[in-house]
């Protein structure tokens, strides 16, 4: 009886060890695959949110420039101001989406864009900079710096090669 138990153990032990050895890499591969799938899913969400955020921020900037540059009728001015406030609300909503799926650097960068966009908005509407005591540069300059930081942070988070390598927003005379 003892001999038969030993034979069974000697036969089953390598089978069990072999099974464990075979399943361990499979479990590890599945875990890595799952992580990659989740990361890719969040990368897509983040990329879309960042693109919409940047487009909305630039639309707010263009609308603000129209108010400041044009001699507009009261009706058009009221319409433009309403659109600016709508864009700023959308910007804040997109910032919240970004905060859900990003790291702290991108969160901070998006928050500063929202802050500087509000200053651009107020400067265009009233001619006063609500943050003039806090910053020495103009709202538009701060916005430009903020959006550049946002792009660098977003590119780093999305693992773009050379995330700091951004072309100037306005091409130099003669082109790039």
C-alpha atoms as a PDB file:
ATOM      1  CA  UNK A   1       0.000   0.000   0.000  1.00  0.00           C
ATOM      2  CA  UNK A   2       2.780   2.370   0.874  1.00  0.00           C
ATOM      3  CA  UNK A   3       4.538   1.571  -2.374  1.00  0.00           C
ATOM      4  CA  UNK A   4       1.454   2.363  -4.434  1.00  0.00           C
ATOM      5  CA  UNK A   5       0.941   5.726  -2.658  1.00  0.00           C
ATOM      6  CA  UNK A   6       4.564   6.620  -3.334  1.00  0.00           C
ATOM      7  CA  UNK A   7       4.184   5.695  -7.000  1.00  0.00           C
ATOM      8  CA  UNK A   8       1.043   7.803  -7.311  1.00  0.00           C
ATOM      9  CA  UNK A   9       2.753  10.741  -5.602  1.00  0.00           C
ATOM     10  CA  UNK A  10       5.820  10.354  -7.805  1.00  0.00           C
ATOM     11  CA  UNK A  11       3.627  10.331 -10.884  1.00  0.00           C
ATOM     12  CA  UNK A  12       1.296  13.175  -9.825  1.00  0.00           C
ATOM     13  CA  UNK A  13       3.927  15.466  -8.306  1.00  0.00           C
ATOM     14  CA  UNK A  14       5.653  16.295 -11.617  1.00  0.00           C
ATOM     15  CA  UNK A  15       2.264  16.727 -13.267  1.00  0.00           C
ATOM     16  CA  UNK A  16       1.181  19.198 -10.561  1.00  0.00           C
ATOM     17  CA  UNK A  17       4.484  21.060 -10.646  1.00  0.00           C
ATOM     18  CA  UNK A  18       4.357  21.176 -14.431  1.00  0.00           C
ATOM     19  CA  UNK A  19       0.807  22.512 -14.304  1.00  0.00           C
ATOM     20  CA  UNK A  20       1.798  25.235 -11.861  1.00  0.00           C
ATOM     21  CA  UNK A  21       4.834  26.140 -13.947  1.00  0.00           C
ATOM     22  CA  UNK A  22       2.655  26.317 -17.058  1.00  0.00           C
ATOM     23  CA  UNK A  23      -0.134  28.390 -15.509  1.00  0.00           C
ATOM     24  CA  UNK A  24       2.103  31.015 -13.861  1.00  0.00           C
ATOM     25  CA  UNK A  25       3.281  32.629 -17.129  1.00  0.00           C
ATOM     26  CA  UNK A  26      -0.246  32.467 -18.511  1.00  0.00           C
ATOM     27  CA  UNK A  27      -1.594  34.340 -15.488  1.00  0.00           C
ATOM     28  CA  UNK A  28       1.179  36.931 -15.725  1.00  0.00           C
ATOM     29  CA  UNK A  29       0.581  37.464 -19.438  1.00  0.00           C
ATOM     30  CA  UNK A  30      -3.162  37.848 -18.843  1.00  0.00           C
ATOM     31  CA  UNK A  31      -2.548  40.366 -16.078  1.00  0.00           C
ATOM     32  CA  UNK A  32      -0.234  42.436 -18.306  1.00  0.00           C
ATOM     33  CA  UNK A  33      -2.737  42.214 -21.171  1.00  0.00           C
ATOM     34  CA  UNK A  34      -5.525  43.416 -18.872  1.00  0.00           C
ATOM     35  CA  UNK A  35      -3.418  46.349 -17.634  1.00  0.00           C
ATOM     36  CA  UNK A  36      -2.537  47.290 -21.202  1.00  0.00           C
ATOM     37  CA  UNK A  37      -6.183  47.161 -22.243  1.00  0.00           C
ATOM     38  CA  UNK A  38      -7.226  49.392 -19.337  1.00  0.00           C
ATOM     39  CA  UNK A  39      -4.356  51.828 -19.999  1.00  0.00           C
ATOM     40  CA  UNK A  40      -5.223  52.021 -23.691  1.00  0.00           C
ATOM     41  CA  UNK A  41      -8.865  52.657 -22.845  1.00  0.00           C
ATOM     42  CA  UNK A  42      -7.949  55.538 -20.524  1.00  0.00           C
ATOM     43  CA  UNK A  43      -5.389  56.901 -22.996  1.00  0.00           C
ATOM     44  CA  UNK A  44      -8.106  57.201 -25.617  1.00  0.00           C
ATOM     45  CA  UNK A  45     -10.435  58.984 -23.203  1.00  0.00           C
ATOM     46  CA  UNK A  46      -7.615  61.292 -22.120  1.00  0.00           C
ATOM     47  CA  UNK A  47      -6.543  62.062 -25.681  1.00  0.00           C
ATOM     48  CA  UNK A  48     -10.079  62.989 -26.717  1.00  0.00           C
ATOM     49  CA  UNK A  49     -10.661  65.097 -23.581  1.00  0.00           C
ATOM     50  CA  UNK A  50      -7.343  66.916 -24.032  1.00  0.00           C
ATOM     51  CA  UNK A  51      -8.070  67.640 -27.681  1.00  0.00           C
ATOM     52  CA  UNK A  52     -11.514  69.017 -26.874  1.00  0.00           C
ATOM     53  CA  UNK A  53     -10.097  70.995 -23.947  1.00  0.00           C
ATOM     54  CA  UNK A  54      -7.434  72.657 -26.120  1.00  0.00           C
ATOM     55  CA  UNK A  55      -9.920  73.409 -28.916  1.00  0.00           C
ATOM     56  CA  UNK A  56     -12.389  74.924 -26.438  1.00  0.00           C
ATOM     57  CA  UNK A  57      -9.660  77.024 -24.810  1.00  0.00           C
ATOM     58  CA  UNK A  58      -8.574  78.394 -28.172  1.00  0.00           C
ATOM     59  CA  UNK A  59     -12.170  79.113 -29.169  1.00  0.00           C
ATOM     60  CA  UNK A  60     -12.596  81.106 -25.944  1.00  0.00           C
ATOM     61  CA  UNK A  61      -9.406  83.011 -26.760  1.00  0.00           C
ATOM     62  CA  UNK A  62     -10.609  83.816 -30.302  1.00  0.00           C
ATOM     63  CA  UNK A  63     -14.016  84.967 -29.057  1.00  0.00           C
ATOM     64  CA  UNK A  64     -12.323  87.178 -26.469  1.00  0.00           C
ATOM     65  CA  UNK A  65     -10.088  88.667 -29.148  1.00  0.00           C
ATOM     66  CA  UNK A  66     -13.154  89.448 -31.294  1.00  0.00           C
ATOM     67  CA  UNK A  67     -14.742  91.434 -28.480  1.00  0.00           C
ATOM     68  CA  UNK A  68     -11.537  93.322 -27.767  1.00  0.00           C
ATOM     69  CA  UNK A  69     -10.682  94.014 -31.416  1.00  0.00           C
ATOM     70  CA  UNK A  70     -14.030  94.803 -32.992  1.00  0.00           C
ATOM     71  CA  UNK A  71     -16.294  97.760 -32.605  1.00  0.00           C
ATOM     72  CA  UNK A  72     -19.316  95.568 -32.030  1.00  0.00           C
ATOM     73  CA  UNK A  73     -22.945  96.435 -31.659  1.00  0.00           C
ATOM     74  CA  UNK A  74     -24.481  95.863 -28.249  1.00  0.00           C
ATOM     75  CA  UNK A  75     -26.407  92.889 -29.609  1.00  0.00           C
ATOM     76  CA  UNK A  76     -23.304  91.216 -31.084  1.00  0.00           C
ATOM     77  CA  UNK A  77     -21.285  91.995 -27.955  1.00  0.00           C
ATOM     78  CA  UNK A  78     -23.977  90.380 -25.790  1.00  0.00           C
ATOM     79  CA  UNK A  79     -23.985  87.323 -28.061  1.00  0.00           C
ATOM     80  CA  UNK A  80     -20.187  87.038 -27.975  1.00  0.00           C
ATOM     81  CA  UNK A  81     -20.111  87.401 -24.187  1.00  0.00           C
ATOM     82  CA  UNK A  82     -22.688  84.631 -23.880  1.00  0.00           C
ATOM     83  CA  UNK A  83     -20.601  82.397 -26.148  1.00  0.00           C
ATOM     84  CA  UNK A  84     -17.478  83.153 -24.111  1.00  0.00           C
ATOM     85  CA  UNK A  85     -19.216  82.181 -20.880  1.00  0.00           C
ATOM     86  CA  UNK A  86     -20.522  79.000 -22.539  1.00  0.00           C
ATOM     87  CA  UNK A  87     -17.028  78.087 -23.728  1.00  0.00           C
ATOM     88  CA  UNK A  88     -15.579  78.740 -20.289  1.00  0.00           C
ATOM     89  CA  UNK A  89     -18.217  76.468 -18.718  1.00  0.00           C
ATOM     90  CA  UNK A  90     -17.362  73.767 -21.274  1.00  0.00           C
ATOM     91  CA  UNK A  91     -13.680  74.253 -20.486  1.00  0.00           C
ATOM     92  CA  UNK A  92     -14.340  73.645 -16.785  1.00  0.00           C
ATOM     93  CA  UNK A  93     -16.383  70.522 -17.601  1.00  0.00           C
ATOM     94  CA  UNK A  94     -13.597  69.151 -19.795  1.00  0.00           C
ATOM     95  CA  UNK A  95     -11.087  69.906 -17.028  1.00  0.00           C
ATOM     96  CA  UNK A  96     -13.110  67.670 -14.708  1.00  0.00           C
ATOM     97  CA  UNK A  97     -13.012  64.865 -17.277  1.00  0.00           C
ATOM     98  CA  UNK A  98      -9.254  65.257 -17.578  1.00  0.00           C
ATOM     99  CA  UNK A  99      -8.894  65.167 -13.794  1.00  0.00           C
ATOM    100  CA  UNK A 100     -10.616  61.770 -13.691  1.00  0.00           C
ATOM    101  CA  UNK A 101      -8.058  60.048 -15.895  1.00  0.00           C
ATOM    102  CA  UNK A 102      -4.807  62.018 -15.549  1.00  0.00           C
ATOM    103  CA  UNK A 103      -1.920  62.554 -13.193  1.00  0.00           C
ATOM    104  CA  UNK A 104      -1.333  65.608 -11.050  1.00  0.00           C
ATOM    105  CA  UNK A 105       0.918  67.460 -13.550  1.00  0.00           C
ATOM    106  CA  UNK A 106      -1.795  67.460 -16.204  1.00  0.00           C
ATOM    107  CA  UNK A 107      -4.451  68.282 -13.617  1.00  0.00           C
ATOM    108  CA  UNK A 108      -2.504  71.341 -12.482  1.00  0.00           C
ATOM    109  CA  UNK A 109      -1.796  72.417 -16.063  1.00  0.00           C
ATOM    110  CA  UNK A 110      -5.469  72.172 -17.016  1.00  0.00           C
ATOM    111  CA  UNK A 111      -6.463  74.138 -13.916  1.00  0.00           C
ATOM    112  CA  UNK A 112      -4.085  76.952 -14.827  1.00  0.00           C
ATOM    113  CA  UNK A 113      -5.465  77.097 -18.386  1.00  0.00           C
ATOM    114  CA  UNK A 114      -8.966  77.482 -16.938  1.00  0.00           C
ATOM    115  CA  UNK A 115      -7.729  80.212 -14.582  1.00  0.00           C
ATOM    116  CA  UNK A 116      -5.930  82.127 -17.340  1.00  0.00           C
ATOM    117  CA  UNK A 117      -8.865  81.667 -19.727  1.00  0.00           C
ATOM    118  CA  UNK A 118     -11.102  83.298 -17.112  1.00  0.00           C
ATOM    119  CA  UNK A 119      -8.676  86.217 -16.933  1.00  0.00           C
ATOM    120  CA  UNK A 120      -8.657  86.500 -20.742  1.00  0.00           C
ATOM    121  CA  UNK A 121     -12.452  86.466 -20.696  1.00  0.00           C
ATOM    122  CA  UNK A 122     -12.722  89.153 -18.023  1.00  0.00           C
ATOM    123  CA  UNK A 123     -10.058  91.315 -19.653  1.00  0.00           C
ATOM    124  CA  UNK A 124     -11.891  91.171 -22.985  1.00  0.00           C
ATOM    125  CA  UNK A 125     -15.233  92.014 -21.394  1.00  0.00           C
ATOM    126  CA  UNK A 126     -14.268  94.623 -18.810  1.00  0.00           C
ATOM    127  CA  UNK A 127     -10.717  95.651 -19.675  1.00  0.00           C
ATOM    128  CA  UNK A 128      -9.439  94.638 -16.231  1.00  0.00           C
ATOM    129  CA  UNK A 129      -7.204  91.718 -15.318  1.00  0.00           C
ATOM    130  CA  UNK A 130      -8.591  89.986 -12.202  1.00  0.00           C
ATOM    131  CA  UNK A 131      -5.187  88.415 -11.525  1.00  0.00           C
ATOM    132  CA  UNK A 132      -2.940  91.416 -12.175  1.00  0.00           C
ATOM    133  CA  UNK A 133      -1.672  91.431  -8.582  1.00  0.00           C
ATOM    134  CA  UNK A 134      -0.702  87.778  -8.849  1.00  0.00           C
ATOM    135  CA  UNK A 135       1.037  87.889 -12.251  1.00  0.00           C
ATOM    136  CA  UNK A 136       3.105  90.470 -14.111  1.00  0.00           C
ATOM    137  CA  UNK A 137       2.307  89.275 -17.648  1.00  0.00           C
ATOM    138  CA  UNK A 138      -0.902  89.861 -19.585  1.00  0.00           C
ATOM    139  CA  UNK A 139      -3.782  87.368 -19.465  1.00  0.00           C
ATOM    140  CA  UNK A 140      -3.123  86.376 -23.091  1.00  0.00           C
ATOM    141  CA  UNK A 141       0.582  85.709 -22.373  1.00  0.00           C
ATOM    142  CA  UNK A 142      -0.308  83.659 -19.299  1.00  0.00           C
ATOM    143  CA  UNK A 143      -2.882  81.751 -21.319  1.00  0.00           C
ATOM    144  CA  UNK A 144      -0.311  81.015 -24.024  1.00  0.00           C
ATOM    145  CA  UNK A 145       2.221  79.783 -21.449  1.00  0.00           C
ATOM    146  CA  UNK A 146      -0.476  77.760 -19.700  1.00  0.00           C
ATOM    147  CA  UNK A 147      -1.687  76.038 -22.853  1.00  0.00           C
ATOM    148  CA  UNK A 148       1.920  75.179 -23.792  1.00  0.00           C
ATOM    149  CA  UNK A 149       2.428  73.617 -20.344  1.00  0.00           C
ATOM    150  CA  UNK A 150      -0.873  71.769 -20.797  1.00  0.00           C
ATOM    151  CA  UNK A 151       0.275  70.358 -24.154  1.00  0.00           C
ATOM    152  CA  UNK A 152       3.626  69.240 -22.726  1.00  0.00           C
ATOM    153  CA  UNK A 153       1.928  67.587 -19.748  1.00  0.00           C
ATOM    154  CA  UNK A 154      -0.676  65.881 -21.933  1.00  0.00           C
ATOM    155  CA  UNK A 155       1.972  64.635 -24.355  1.00  0.00           C
ATOM    156  CA  UNK A 156       4.062  63.269 -21.468  1.00  0.00           C
ATOM    157  CA  UNK A 157       1.044  61.539 -19.935  1.00  0.00           C
ATOM    158  CA  UNK A 158       0.136  60.014 -23.307  1.00  0.00           C
ATOM    159  CA  UNK A 159       3.749  58.836 -23.660  1.00  0.00           C
ATOM    160  CA  UNK A 160       4.467  60.853 -26.810  1.00  0.00           C
ATOM    161  CA  UNK A 161       8.127  60.667 -27.739  1.00  0.00           C
ATOM    162  CA  UNK A 162       9.801  64.013 -26.901  1.00  0.00           C
ATOM    163  CA  UNK A 163       6.764  65.615 -25.217  1.00  0.00           C
ATOM    164  CA  UNK A 164       8.556  68.953 -24.761  1.00  0.00           C
ATOM    165  CA  UNK A 165       9.262  69.307 -28.479  1.00  0.00           C
ATOM    166  CA  UNK A 166       6.442  71.670 -29.473  1.00  0.00           C
ATOM    167  CA  UNK A 167       6.493  73.792 -32.592  1.00  0.00           C
ATOM    168  CA  UNK A 168       5.578  77.455 -32.046  1.00  0.00           C
ATOM    169  CA  UNK A 169       1.812  78.098 -32.280  1.00  0.00           C
ATOM    170  CA  UNK A 170       2.383  80.987 -34.681  1.00  0.00           C
ATOM    171  CA  UNK A 171       4.814  80.157 -37.490  1.00  0.00           C
ATOM    172  CA  UNK A 172       7.788  82.482 -37.830  1.00  0.00           C
ATOM    173  CA  UNK A 173       7.968  84.746 -40.870  1.00  0.00           C
ATOM    174  CA  UNK A 174       8.923  82.662 -43.828  1.00  0.00           C
ATOM    175  CA  UNK A 175       7.403  79.488 -42.342  1.00  0.00           C
ATOM    176  CA  UNK A 176       8.896  76.664 -40.343  1.00  0.00           C
END
